Amino acid sequence: MPTSAGHLDTVSLSKATFGGNVDFGGAMFSNQVDFEAAEFNSRTVFADAKFEISVPDFRDAKLREATEWHGASPKNNEAIQQHIYAYERLKAEMERLKKHEEEQFFFAKELRARRAREPRWLKRLPNYAYEILSAGASRGRPFGFSFCGLSAPPY
């Protein structure tokens, strides 16, 4: 069941089984997207997909190892708790599939959503510091290595 990019409104594909290739690459989802308990049996692409309202719901879904996520992102911070649940699920699925870079990517997104939920800046500070200083998408470590004379780790 190939699907091509385009503008998609409310989508509920709960318990759907995708036997063939599925390509949501570049799609704009302007409402909630539900893939709960869906099964993806072939090539699956969400690359560069945009989610205006919230991150898709993949609870109990079976994703393939090679699911493509690069560039996929929510467009705004509405429904923050739903973002957190969705990122938790995607992170767990990537951990199960041993896709560690994607797992870190979704963990960073989860932390960012959790930070957005916290109204007091002082409570957000440790979360933000972790994002800046941790490995992965860190912007702080290269700065420290380049401009502060720190030596890069041996890996």
Protein backbone atom coordinates (compact mmCIF):
# COMPACT_ATOMS: atom_id res chain seq x y z
CA MET A 1 0.00 0.00 0.00
CA PRO A 2 2.31 2.80 -1.15
CA THR A 3 1.43 6.26 0.09
CA SER A 4 2.94 9.39 -1.40
CA ALA A 5 3.77 12.76 0.14
CA GLY A 6 1.10 15.42 0.32
CA HIS A 7 -1.14 17.25 2.79
CA LEU A 8 -2.88 14.84 5.15
CA ASP A 9 -5.54 15.85 7.68
CA THR A 10 -6.83 13.59 10.48
CA VAL A 11 -5.38 10.13 10.03
CA SER A 12 -6.27 7.03 12.03
CA LEU A 13 -4.43 3.94 10.92
CA SER A 14 -4.84 2.09 14.20
CA LYS A 15 -4.30 -1.68 13.78
CA ALA A 16 -3.52 -1.25 10.08
CA THR A 17 -1.17 -3.73 8.42
CA PHE A 18 1.09 -2.34 5.72
CA GLY A 19 2.27 -5.23 3.57
CA GLY A 20 4.04 -3.15 0.93
CA ASN A 21 6.22 -0.07 0.91
CA VAL A 22 4.90 2.95 2.81
CA ASP A 23 6.32 6.39 2.00
CA PHE A 24 5.18 9.32 4.15
CA GLY A 25 8.40 11.17 3.27
CA GLY A 26 7.78 14.92 3.19
CA ALA A 27 4.12 14.53 4.19
CA MET A 28 2.47 17.30 6.21
CA PHE A 29 0.16 15.89 8.90
CA SER A 30 -2.02 18.77 10.03
CA ASN A 31 -3.85 16.82 12.75
CA GLN A 32 -3.35 13.92 15.17
CA VAL A 33 -1.94 10.77 13.54
CA ASP A 34 -2.68 7.37 15.05
CA PHE A 35 -0.61 4.30 14.13
CA GLU A 36 -1.44 2.49 17.38
CA ALA A 37 -0.93 -1.29 17.01
CA ALA A 38 -0.16 -0.87 13.29
CA GLU A 39 2.26 -3.25 11.60
CA PHE A 40 4.78 -2.19 8.97
CA ASN A 41 6.06 -5.21 7.01
CA SER A 42 8.13 -3.54 4.30
CA ARG A 43 10.11 -0.36 3.61
CA THR A 44 8.74 2.50 5.71
CA VAL A 45 9.71 6.15 5.25
CA PHE A 46 8.82 9.14 7.46
CA ALA A 47 11.82 11.20 6.31
CA ASP A 48 11.15 14.95 6.35
CA ALA A 49 7.53 14.44 7.47
CA LYS A 50 6.07 17.32 9.49
CA PHE A 51 3.55 16.89 12.29
CA GLU A 52 1.70 20.15 13.03
CA ILE A 53 -0.31 19.11 16.10
CA SER A 54 1.52 16.22 17.72
CA VAL A 55 3.94 13.37 17.26
CA PRO A 56 2.26 10.24 15.83
CA ASP A 57 0.99 7.62 18.27
CA PHE A 58 2.95 4.38 17.71
CA ARG A 59 1.99 2.55 20.92
CA ASP A 60 2.03 -1.23 20.32
CA ALA A 61 3.07 -0.70 16.68
CA LYS A 62 5.60 -2.99 15.00
CA LEU A 63 8.13 -0.97 13.05
CA ARG A 64 10.85 -2.34 10.79
CA GLU A 65 14.50 -1.80 11.63
CA ALA A 66 15.07 0.26 8.51
CA THR A 67 12.29 2.78 9.15
CA GLU A 68 13.60 6.15 7.92
CA TRP A 69 13.11 9.11 10.28
CA HIS A 70 15.70 11.73 9.26
CA GLY A 71 14.27 15.21 9.18
CA ALA A 72 10.88 14.25 10.67
CA SER A 73 9.69 16.74 13.28
CA PRO A 74 6.66 18.30 14.92
CA LYS A 75 5.85 21.80 13.77
CA ASN A 76 4.80 23.25 17.15
CA ASN A 77 4.63 22.42 20.87
CA GLU A 78 0.89 21.87 21.32
CA ALA A 79 -0.20 18.79 23.26
CA ILE A 80 3.17 18.49 25.00
CA GLN A 81 2.23 15.44 27.07
CA GLN A 82 1.22 13.58 23.91
CA HIS A 83 4.62 14.44 22.45
CA ILE A 84 6.29 12.98 25.52
CA TYR A 85 4.31 9.72 25.29
CA ALA A 86 5.02 9.41 21.58
CA TYR A 87 8.75 10.10 21.95
CA GLU A 88 8.97 7.62 24.83
CA ARG A 89 7.43 4.96 22.60
CA LEU A 90 9.61 5.75 19.61
CA LYS A 91 12.71 5.76 21.82
CA ALA A 92 11.79 2.35 23.25
CA GLU A 93 11.16 0.95 19.77
CA MET A 94 14.53 2.22 18.53
CA GLU A 95 16.18 0.65 21.60
CA ARG A 96 14.51 -2.67 20.81
CA LEU A 97 15.74 -2.44 17.23
CA LYS A 98 19.25 -1.53 18.46
CA LYS A 99 19.17 1.71 16.44
CA HIS A 100 21.10 3.75 18.97
CA GLU A 101 21.47 6.99 17.00
CA GLU A 102 17.71 7.15 16.42
CA GLU A 103 17.12 6.22 20.08
CA GLN A 104 19.28 9.19 21.15
CA PHE A 105 17.47 11.42 18.64
CA PHE A 106 14.06 10.58 20.14
CA PHE A 107 15.42 10.85 23.69
CA ALA A 108 16.59 14.38 22.91
CA LYS A 109 13.13 15.18 21.51
CA GLU A 110 11.53 13.72 24.66
CA LEU A 111 13.75 15.87 26.90
CA ARG A 112 12.93 18.96 24.87
CA ALA A 113 9.20 18.24 25.23
CA ARG A 114 9.57 17.68 28.97
CA ARG A 115 11.44 20.98 29.24
CA ALA A 116 8.66 22.79 27.37
CA ARG A 117 6.14 21.44 29.91
CA GLU A 118 8.00 22.98 32.86
CA PRO A 119 6.88 26.60 33.48
CA ARG A 120 9.81 27.61 35.72
CA TRP A 121 13.13 28.25 33.98
CA LEU A 122 15.15 27.10 37.00
CA LYS A 123 13.52 23.66 36.81
CA ARG A 124 14.34 23.50 33.07
CA LEU A 125 18.00 24.34 33.61
CA PRO A 126 19.33 20.80 34.41
CA ASN A 127 17.47 19.38 31.40
CA TYR A 128 18.90 22.07 29.13
CA ALA A 129 22.40 21.60 30.54
CA TYR A 130 22.18 17.87 29.87
CA GLU A 131 21.19 18.54 26.25
CA ILE A 132 24.09 20.94 25.73
CA LEU A 133 26.76 18.85 27.44
CA SER A 134 25.76 15.33 26.40
CA ALA A 135 26.96 13.42 23.36
CA GLY A 136 24.86 13.22 20.23
CA ALA A 137 23.34 16.47 19.03
CA SER A 138 25.37 18.52 21.49
CA ARG A 139 26.38 22.02 20.49
CA GLY A 140 28.37 22.63 23.65
CA ARG A 141 31.03 19.95 23.33
CA PRO A 142 32.41 21.01 19.95
CA PHE A 143 32.56 24.59 21.23
CA GLY A 144 34.55 23.45 24.27
CA PHE A 145 36.88 21.34 22.15
CA SER A 146 37.50 24.09 19.61
CA PHE A 147 37.66 27.27 21.63
CA CYS A 148 38.44 26.32 25.21
CA GLY A 149 41.47 24.13 24.54
CA LEU A 150 39.81 20.93 25.70
CA SER A 151 41.05 17.75 24.14
CA ALA A 152 38.56 15.67 22.21
CA PRO A 153 37.67 12.22 23.56
CA PRO A 154 39.66 9.32 22.03
CA TYR A 155 36.69 7.92 20.07
